[in-house]
Amino acid sequence: MQGLNWGEDGPRKARKGRWSAAEVARLKDMYGLREDEAIARELQRSPNSVRKMAESLFRLGERKGPWTAGDVEDLKKYLGATTPEVIARILSRTPDEVQAKIMELGRVQGSNHWGREEIARFKRIYGARSDSDLAKIFSKSVESIQQLAKRYRLAKDKAFLKKTKGEGATRMPRWSAEELDLLRKLYANTSNLEIADRLDRSVKSIVSKAHHIGLKKDLSRLREMGRENVSLRYNHRD
């Protein structure tokens, strides 16, 4: 219903009137990366109010001239998360310019070597982007994208699959009693990737099911994971 947003306790009236500086800053952070309706729910504004504010903040076609390296990185940030028209608005370019640059990215392919920072970013965004868009973002082949996803047992988000392929694409195989027994046995002291390999499931599926049935990592394993993460960051800086 127009003018209503949903809170934890049900529908509530959307805010009206002047936007605060904090609301505008949050909109800038989220716009293009989340649906207008999701932004509206978080800000307790109507979707129409979100769209009008976005249109006032981001102007189409105001930037002219060649693309800088920073412009291209900004394009990659939003590529696949929203439409070229919205990206054009965010970057103050025309939709034709954005479409042409996206096509150009599709012709660029670098080394199939993956750095740590690239892998970390890949894991964050894989679930909500198509493989072809990921190939453009990382300047890799689609085959390289699929191989890395398989290596880390990544899966597309259910919401992404529903949006791109329909309701039936979200269905996952049921967990058998044997699989659940093995999950309970391994989860506390084994990495999620290793468990995913053993059960032939995605890491996301492992984490979701463990949370659902109340499993937790052993404290010593959590400390070990923390040391591994610190080591990765330290080695990357070196």
C-alpha atoms as a PDB file:
ATOM      1  CA  MET A   1       0.000   0.000   0.000  1.00  0.00           C
ATOM      2  CA  GLN A   2       1.373   3.464  -0.953  1.00  0.00           C
ATOM      3  CA  GLY A   3       2.688   5.470   1.978  1.00  0.00           C
ATOM      4  CA  LEU A   4       3.233   2.442   4.203  1.00  0.00           C
ATOM      5  CA  ASN A   5       6.460   0.656   5.079  1.00  0.00           C
ATOM      6  CA  TRP A   6       6.807  -2.628   6.915  1.00  0.00           C
ATOM      7  CA  GLY A   7       8.517  -2.796  10.274  1.00  0.00           C
ATOM      8  CA  GLU A   8       9.081  -5.763  12.579  1.00  0.00           C
ATOM      9  CA  ASP A   9       5.588  -5.340  13.989  1.00  0.00           C
ATOM     10  CA  GLY A  10       3.812  -4.850  10.650  1.00  0.00           C
ATOM     11  CA  PRO A  11       2.987  -1.853   8.440  1.00  0.00           C
ATOM     12  CA  ARG A  12       3.796   1.640   9.636  1.00  0.00           C
ATOM     13  CA  LYS A  13       3.435   5.089   8.128  1.00  0.00           C
ATOM     14  CA  ALA A  14       6.284   6.298   5.941  1.00  0.00           C
ATOM     15  CA  ARG A  15       8.117   9.434   7.005  1.00  0.00           C
ATOM     16  CA  LYS A  16       7.323  12.642   5.196  1.00  0.00           C
ATOM     17  CA  GLY A  17       8.987  16.009   4.941  1.00  0.00           C
ATOM     18  CA  ARG A  18      12.607  17.108   4.670  1.00  0.00           C
ATOM     19  CA  TRP A  19      15.304  14.455   4.495  1.00  0.00           C
ATOM     20  CA  SER A  20      18.031  14.602   7.132  1.00  0.00           C
ATOM     21  CA  ALA A  21      21.715  14.624   6.190  1.00  0.00           C
ATOM     22  CA  ALA A  22      22.034  11.116   7.658  1.00  0.00           C
ATOM     23  CA  GLU A  23      19.166   9.825   5.497  1.00  0.00           C
ATOM     24  CA  VAL A  24      20.692  11.334   2.362  1.00  0.00           C
ATOM     25  CA  ALA A  25      24.091   9.822   3.157  1.00  0.00           C
ATOM     26  CA  ARG A  26      22.539   6.401   3.713  1.00  0.00           C
ATOM     27  CA  LEU A  27      20.597   6.653   0.457  1.00  0.00           C
ATOM     28  CA  LYS A  28      23.817   7.451  -1.402  1.00  0.00           C
ATOM     29  CA  ASP A  29      25.443   4.361   0.131  1.00  0.00           C
ATOM     30  CA  MET A  30      22.597   2.012  -0.807  1.00  0.00           C
ATOM     31  CA  TYR A  31      21.280   3.381  -4.089  1.00  0.00           C
ATOM     32  CA  GLY A  32      22.039   1.075  -6.992  1.00  0.00           C
ATOM     33  CA  LEU A  33      23.092  -1.765  -4.708  1.00  0.00           C
ATOM     34  CA  ARG A  34      19.663  -2.469  -3.220  1.00  0.00           C
ATOM     35  CA  GLU A  35      16.120  -2.309  -4.562  1.00  0.00           C
ATOM     36  CA  ASP A  36      14.220   0.954  -4.041  1.00  0.00           C
ATOM     37  CA  GLU A  37      11.655  -0.885  -1.900  1.00  0.00           C
ATOM     38  CA  ALA A  38      14.371  -2.264   0.406  1.00  0.00           C
ATOM     39  CA  ILE A  39      15.903   1.199   0.798  1.00  0.00           C
ATOM     40  CA  ALA A  40      12.461   2.609   1.530  1.00  0.00           C
ATOM     41  CA  ARG A  41      11.887   0.041   4.289  1.00  0.00           C
ATOM     42  CA  GLU A  42      15.204   0.812   5.954  1.00  0.00           C
ATOM     43  CA  LEU A  43      14.720   4.585   5.794  1.00  0.00           C
ATOM     44  CA  GLN A  44      11.003   4.365   6.606  1.00  0.00           C
ATOM     45  CA  ARG A  45      10.219   6.383   3.503  1.00  0.00           C
ATOM     46  CA  SER A  46       7.924   5.562   0.602  1.00  0.00           C
ATOM     47  CA  PRO A  47       9.511   4.057  -2.541  1.00  0.00           C
ATOM     48  CA  ASN A  48       8.299   7.106  -4.460  1.00  0.00           C
ATOM     49  CA  SER A  49      10.081   9.404  -2.007  1.00  0.00           C
ATOM     50  CA  VAL A  50      13.282   7.358  -2.411  1.00  0.00           C
ATOM     51  CA  ARG A  51      13.102   7.597  -6.204  1.00  0.00           C
ATOM     52  CA  LYS A  52      12.469  11.360  -6.161  1.00  0.00           C
ATOM     53  CA  MET A  53      15.382  11.989  -3.795  1.00  0.00           C
ATOM     54  CA  ALA A  54      17.677   9.787  -5.893  1.00  0.00           C
ATOM     55  CA  GLU A  55      16.700  11.726  -9.022  1.00  0.00           C
ATOM     56  CA  SER A  56      17.565  14.993  -7.279  1.00  0.00           C
ATOM     57  CA  LEU A  57      20.929  13.673  -6.040  1.00  0.00           C
ATOM     58  CA  PHE A  58      22.098  11.929  -9.210  1.00  0.00           C
ATOM     59  CA  ARG A  59      21.869  13.788 -12.519  1.00  0.00           C
ATOM     60  CA  LEU A  60      22.033  12.030 -15.890  1.00  0.00           C
ATOM     61  CA  GLY A  61      24.642  13.111 -18.423  1.00  0.00           C
ATOM     62  CA  GLU A  62      26.338  15.892 -16.418  1.00  0.00           C
ATOM     63  CA  ARG A  63      29.843  14.404 -16.717  1.00  0.00           C
ATOM     64  CA  LYS A  64      31.653  14.678 -20.024  1.00  0.00           C
ATOM     65  CA  GLY A  65      34.951  13.514 -21.396  1.00  0.00           C
ATOM     66  CA  PRO A  66      37.006  10.308 -21.106  1.00  0.00           C
ATOM     67  CA  TRP A  67      36.500   7.736 -18.373  1.00  0.00           C
ATOM     68  CA  THR A  68      39.076   7.695 -15.578  1.00  0.00           C
ATOM     69  CA  ALA A  69      40.244   4.526 -13.821  1.00  0.00           C
ATOM     70  CA  GLY A  70      38.097   5.612 -10.860  1.00  0.00           C
ATOM     71  CA  ASP A  71      35.038   5.950 -13.092  1.00  0.00           C
ATOM     72  CA  VAL A  72      35.525   2.399 -14.368  1.00  0.00           C
ATOM     73  CA  GLU A  73      35.878   1.028 -10.823  1.00  0.00           C
ATOM     74  CA  ASP A  74      32.660   2.828  -9.855  1.00  0.00           C
ATOM     75  CA  LEU A  75      30.933   1.244 -12.842  1.00  0.00           C
ATOM     76  CA  LYS A  76      32.147  -2.208 -11.764  1.00  0.00           C
ATOM     77  CA  LYS A  77      30.806  -1.583  -8.256  1.00  0.00           C
ATOM     78  CA  TYR A  78      27.253  -1.348  -9.596  1.00  0.00           C
ATOM     79  CA  LEU A  79      27.495  -3.604 -12.658  1.00  0.00           C
ATOM     80  CA  GLY A  80      24.959  -6.408 -12.365  1.00  0.00           C
ATOM     81  CA  ALA A  81      23.446  -5.002  -9.180  1.00  0.00           C
ATOM     82  CA  THR A  82      21.170  -2.561 -10.980  1.00  0.00           C
ATOM     83  CA  THR A  83      20.219  -1.376 -14.466  1.00  0.00           C
ATOM     84  CA  PRO A  84      22.533   0.578 -16.795  1.00  0.00           C
ATOM     85  CA  GLU A  85      20.089   3.481 -16.522  1.00  0.00           C
ATOM     86  CA  VAL A  86      20.522   3.669 -12.741  1.00  0.00           C
ATOM     87  CA  ILE A  87      24.300   3.320 -13.101  1.00  0.00           C
ATOM     88  CA  ALA A  88      24.239   6.188 -15.611  1.00  0.00           C
ATOM     89  CA  ARG A  89      22.383   8.342 -13.086  1.00  0.00           C
ATOM     90  CA  ILE A  90      24.843   7.518 -10.287  1.00  0.00           C
ATOM     91  CA  LEU A  91      27.877   8.220 -12.496  1.00  0.00           C
ATOM     92  CA  SER A  92      26.292  11.320 -14.118  1.00  0.00           C
ATOM     93  CA  ARG A  93      26.798   9.752 -17.550  1.00  0.00           C
ATOM     94  CA  THR A  94      24.311   8.950 -20.294  1.00  0.00           C
ATOM     95  CA  PRO A  95      22.863   5.431 -20.551  1.00  0.00           C
ATOM     96  CA  ASP A  96      24.483   5.050 -23.991  1.00  0.00           C
ATOM     97  CA  GLU A  97      27.915   5.840 -22.527  1.00  0.00           C
ATOM     98  CA  VAL A  98      27.426   3.276 -19.775  1.00  0.00           C
ATOM     99  CA  GLN A  99      26.243   0.594 -22.199  1.00  0.00           C
ATOM    100  CA  ALA A 100      29.252   1.228 -24.440  1.00  0.00           C
ATOM    101  CA  LYS A 101      31.672   0.977 -21.501  1.00  0.00           C
ATOM    102  CA  ILE A 102      30.045  -2.267 -20.309  1.00  0.00           C
ATOM    103  CA  MET A 103      30.490  -3.733 -23.789  1.00  0.00           C
ATOM    104  CA  GLU A 104      34.120  -2.608 -23.741  1.00  0.00           C
ATOM    105  CA  LEU A 105      34.675  -4.338 -20.387  1.00  0.00           C
ATOM    106  CA  GLY A 106      33.392  -7.539 -21.958  1.00  0.00           C
ATOM    107  CA  ARG A 107      36.281  -7.459 -24.417  1.00  0.00           C
ATOM    108  CA  VAL A 108      38.951  -7.038 -21.722  1.00  0.00           C
ATOM    109  CA  GLN A 109      40.385 -10.188 -20.209  1.00  0.00           C
ATOM    110  CA  GLY A 110      43.412 -10.250 -17.951  1.00  0.00           C
ATOM    111  CA  SER A 111      45.297 -13.018 -16.226  1.00  0.00           C
ATOM    112  CA  ASN A 112      43.323 -15.841 -14.637  1.00  0.00           C
ATOM    113  CA  HIS A 113      45.416 -15.421 -11.481  1.00  0.00           C
ATOM    114  CA  TRP A 114      43.349 -14.281  -8.499  1.00  0.00           C
ATOM    115  CA  GLY A 115      44.768 -12.089  -5.729  1.00  0.00           C
ATOM    116  CA  ARG A 116      43.569 -12.289  -2.116  1.00  0.00           C
ATOM    117  CA  GLU A 117      41.727  -8.982  -2.302  1.00  0.00           C
ATOM    118  CA  GLU A 118      39.986 -10.036  -5.526  1.00  0.00           C
ATOM    119  CA  ILE A 119      38.925 -13.348  -3.965  1.00  0.00           C
ATOM    120  CA  ALA A 120      37.540 -11.594  -0.880  1.00  0.00           C
ATOM    121  CA  ARG A 121      35.505  -9.223  -3.065  1.00  0.00           C
ATOM    122  CA  PHE A 122      34.400 -12.115  -5.288  1.00  0.00           C
ATOM    123  CA  LYS A 123      33.040 -13.996  -2.275  1.00  0.00           C
ATOM    124  CA  ARG A 124      31.100 -10.904  -1.148  1.00  0.00           C
ATOM    125  CA  ILE A 125      29.324 -10.232  -4.425  1.00  0.00           C
ATOM    126  CA  TYR A 126      29.138 -13.619  -6.163  1.00  0.00           C
ATOM    127  CA  GLY A 127      25.668 -14.508  -4.874  1.00  0.00           C
ATOM    128  CA  ALA A 128      23.925 -11.488  -6.398  1.00  0.00           C
ATOM    129  CA  ARG A 129      25.677 -11.112  -9.775  1.00  0.00           C
ATOM    130  CA  SER A 130      25.575 -13.168 -12.959  1.00  0.00           C
ATOM    131  CA  ASP A 131      28.715 -14.990 -14.061  1.00  0.00           C
ATOM    132  CA  SER A 132      28.913 -12.862 -17.215  1.00  0.00           C
ATOM    133  CA  ASP A 133      28.796  -9.637 -15.174  1.00  0.00           C
ATOM    134  CA  LEU A 134      31.401 -11.007 -12.760  1.00  0.00           C
ATOM    135  CA  ALA A 135      33.658 -11.771 -15.715  1.00  0.00           C
ATOM    136  CA  LYS A 136      33.450  -8.087 -16.742  1.00  0.00           C
ATOM    137  CA  ILE A 137      33.989  -6.854 -13.180  1.00  0.00           C
ATOM    138  CA  PHE A 138      37.129  -8.932 -12.623  1.00  0.00           C
ATOM    139  CA  SER A 139      38.387  -8.989 -16.245  1.00  0.00           C
ATOM    140  CA  LYS A 140      38.339 -12.796 -16.227  1.00  0.00           C
ATOM    141  CA  SER A 141      36.793 -15.474 -18.377  1.00  0.00           C
ATOM    142  CA  VAL A 142      33.408 -16.907 -17.419  1.00  0.00           C
ATOM    143  CA  GLU A 143      35.172 -20.248 -17.026  1.00  0.00           C
ATOM    144  CA  SER A 144      37.556 -18.727 -14.467  1.00  0.00           C
ATOM    145  CA  ILE A 145      34.562 -17.271 -12.583  1.00  0.00           C
ATOM    146  CA  GLN A 146      32.862 -20.664 -12.465  1.00  0.00           C
ATOM    147  CA  GLN A 147      36.032 -22.473 -11.398  1.00  0.00           C
ATOM    148  CA  LEU A 148      36.638 -20.090  -8.491  1.00  0.00           C
ATOM    149  CA  ALA A 149      33.019 -20.355  -7.369  1.00  0.00           C
ATOM    150  CA  LYS A 150      33.317 -24.136  -7.429  1.00  0.00           C
ATOM    151  CA  ARG A 151      36.607 -24.029  -5.509  1.00  0.00           C
ATOM    152  CA  TYR A 152      35.032 -22.022  -2.678  1.00  0.00           C
ATOM    153  CA  ARG A 153      31.638 -23.761  -2.857  1.00  0.00           C
ATOM    154  CA  LEU A 154      29.760 -20.537  -3.517  1.00  0.00           C
ATOM    155  CA  ALA A 155      26.098 -20.366  -4.536  1.00  0.00           C
ATOM    156  CA  LYS A 156      23.829 -17.694  -5.949  1.00  0.00           C
ATOM    157  CA  ASP A 157      21.442 -16.000  -3.514  1.00  0.00           C
ATOM    158  CA  LYS A 158      17.879 -17.297  -3.538  1.00  0.00           C
ATOM    159  CA  ALA A 159      16.538 -13.794  -4.145  1.00  0.00           C
ATOM    160  CA  PHE A 160      18.847 -13.406  -7.144  1.00  0.00           C
ATOM    161  CA  LEU A 161      17.776 -16.744  -8.622  1.00  0.00           C
ATOM    162  CA  LYS A 162      14.118 -15.928  -8.065  1.00  0.00           C
ATOM    163  CA  LYS A 163      14.504 -12.587  -9.826  1.00  0.00           C
ATOM    164  CA  THR A 164      16.421 -13.999 -12.805  1.00  0.00           C
ATOM    165  CA  LYS A 165      14.994 -17.500 -13.252  1.00  0.00           C
ATOM    166  CA  GLY A 166      11.720 -17.706 -11.356  1.00  0.00           C
ATOM    167  CA  GLU A 167      10.407 -19.348  -8.195  1.00  0.00           C
ATOM    168  CA  GLY A 168      11.477 -22.888  -9.084  1.00  0.00           C
ATOM    169  CA  ALA A 169      15.145 -21.958  -9.202  1.00  0.00           C
ATOM    170  CA  THR A 170      15.266 -21.396  -5.430  1.00  0.00           C
ATOM    171  CA  ARG A 171      14.538 -24.998  -4.527  1.00  0.00           C
ATOM    172  CA  MET A 172      17.427 -26.856  -2.907  1.00  0.00           C
ATOM    173  CA  PRO A 173      17.824 -30.590  -2.215  1.00  0.00           C
ATOM    174  CA  ARG A 174      16.550 -31.711   1.166  1.00  0.00           C
ATOM    175  CA  TRP A 175      19.051 -32.617   3.859  1.00  0.00           C
ATOM    176  CA  SER A 176      19.175 -36.311   4.607  1.00  0.00           C
ATOM    177  CA  ALA A 177      19.526 -37.680   8.149  1.00  0.00           C
ATOM    178  CA  GLU A 178      23.049 -38.837   7.280  1.00  0.00           C
ATOM    179  CA  GLU A 179      24.031 -35.362   6.074  1.00  0.00           C
ATOM    180  CA  LEU A 180      22.682 -33.756   9.231  1.00  0.00           C
ATOM    181  CA  ASP A 181      24.573 -36.231  11.396  1.00  0.00           C
ATOM    182  CA  LEU A 182      27.816 -35.438   9.585  1.00  0.00           C
ATOM    183  CA  LEU A 183      27.172 -31.693   9.847  1.00  0.00           C
ATOM    184  CA  ARG A 184      26.664 -32.002  13.609  1.00  0.00           C
ATOM    185  CA  LYS A 185      29.836 -34.058  13.895  1.00  0.00           C
ATOM    186  CA  LEU A 186      32.058 -31.728  11.879  1.00  0.00           C
ATOM    187  CA  TYR A 187      30.730 -28.215  12.329  1.00  0.00           C
ATOM    188  CA  ALA A 188      32.363 -27.201  15.601  1.00  0.00           C
ATOM    189  CA  ASN A 189      35.965 -27.841  14.572  1.00  0.00           C
ATOM    190  CA  THR A 190      36.009 -28.010  10.769  1.00  0.00           C
ATOM    191  CA  SER A 191      36.115 -25.198   8.222  1.00  0.00           C
ATOM    192  CA  ASN A 192      32.860 -24.522   6.403  1.00  0.00           C
ATOM    193  CA  LEU A 193      34.600 -24.993   3.051  1.00  0.00           C
ATOM    194  CA  GLU A 194      35.809 -28.469   4.037  1.00  0.00           C
ATOM    195  CA  ILE A 195      32.328 -29.422   5.229  1.00  0.00           C
ATOM    196  CA  ALA A 196      30.827 -28.099   1.998  1.00  0.00           C
ATOM    197  CA  ASP A 197      33.253 -30.266   0.014  1.00  0.00           C
ATOM    198  CA  ARG A 198      32.375 -33.326   2.076  1.00  0.00           C
ATOM    199  CA  LEU A 199      28.618 -32.794   1.637  1.00  0.00           C
ATOM    200  CA  ASP A 200      28.748 -31.426  -1.923  1.00  0.00           C
ATOM    201  CA  ARG A 201      26.872 -28.292  -0.892  1.00  0.00           C
ATOM    202  CA  SER A 202      27.594 -24.564  -0.890  1.00  0.00           C
ATOM    203  CA  VAL A 203      29.260 -22.851   2.056  1.00  0.00           C
ATOM    204  CA  LYS A 204      26.160 -20.667   2.359  1.00  0.00           C
ATOM    205  CA  SER A 205      24.007 -23.787   2.688  1.00  0.00           C
ATOM    206  CA  ILE A 206      26.288 -25.157   5.418  1.00  0.00           C
ATOM    207  CA  VAL A 207      26.195 -21.942   7.437  1.00  0.00           C
ATOM    208  CA  SER A 208      22.428 -21.540   7.022  1.00  0.00           C
ATOM    209  CA  LYS A 209      21.619 -25.094   8.100  1.00  0.00           C
ATOM    210  CA  ALA A 210      24.040 -24.955  11.048  1.00  0.00           C
ATOM    211  CA  HIS A 211      22.404 -21.765  12.270  1.00  0.00           C
ATOM    212  CA  HIS A 212      18.936 -23.259  11.773  1.00  0.00           C
ATOM    213  CA  ILE A 213      19.669 -26.302  13.958  1.00  0.00           C
ATOM    214  CA  GLY A 214      21.634 -24.337  16.562  1.00  0.00           C
ATOM    215  CA  LEU A 215      25.206 -25.432  15.832  1.00  0.00           C
ATOM    216  CA  LYS A 216      28.156 -23.236  16.782  1.00  0.00           C
ATOM    217  CA  LYS A 217      31.880 -23.243  16.156  1.00  0.00           C
ATOM    218  CA  ASP A 218      34.148 -24.315  19.003  1.00  0.00           C
ATOM    219  CA  LEU A 219      35.877 -21.358  20.694  1.00  0.00           C
ATOM    220  CA  SER A 220      39.326 -22.662  19.738  1.00  0.00           C
ATOM    221  CA  ARG A 221      38.230 -22.901  16.097  1.00  0.00           C
ATOM    222  CA  LEU A 222      36.930 -19.315  16.174  1.00  0.00           C
ATOM    223  CA  ARG A 223      40.288 -18.138  17.545  1.00  0.00           C
ATOM    224  CA  GLU A 224      42.094 -20.050  14.817  1.00  0.00           C
ATOM    225  CA  MET A 225      39.874 -18.461  12.156  1.00  0.00           C
ATOM    226  CA  GLY A 226      40.654 -15.033  13.627  1.00  0.00           C
ATOM    227  CA  ARG A 227      44.395 -15.699  13.423  1.00  0.00           C
ATOM    228  CA  GLU A 228      44.028 -16.891   9.818  1.00  0.00           C
ATOM    229  CA  ASN A 229      42.178 -13.705   8.849  1.00  0.00           C
ATOM    230  CA  VAL A 230      44.781 -11.472  10.527  1.00  0.00           C
ATOM    231  CA  SER A 231      47.562 -13.403   8.782  1.00  0.00           C
ATOM    232  CA  LEU A 232      45.893 -12.964   5.395  1.00  0.00           C
ATOM    233  CA  ARG A 233      45.536  -9.201   5.899  1.00  0.00           C
ATOM    234  CA  TYR A 234      49.135  -8.882   7.163  1.00  0.00           C
ATOM    235  CA  ASN A 235      50.581 -10.874   4.262  1.00  0.00           C
ATOM    236  CA  HIS A 236      48.532  -8.847   1.795  1.00  0.00           C
ATOM    237  CA  ARG A 237      49.956  -5.575   3.151  1.00  0.00           C
ATOM    238  CA  ASP A 238      53.475  -6.972   2.791  1.00  0.00           C
END
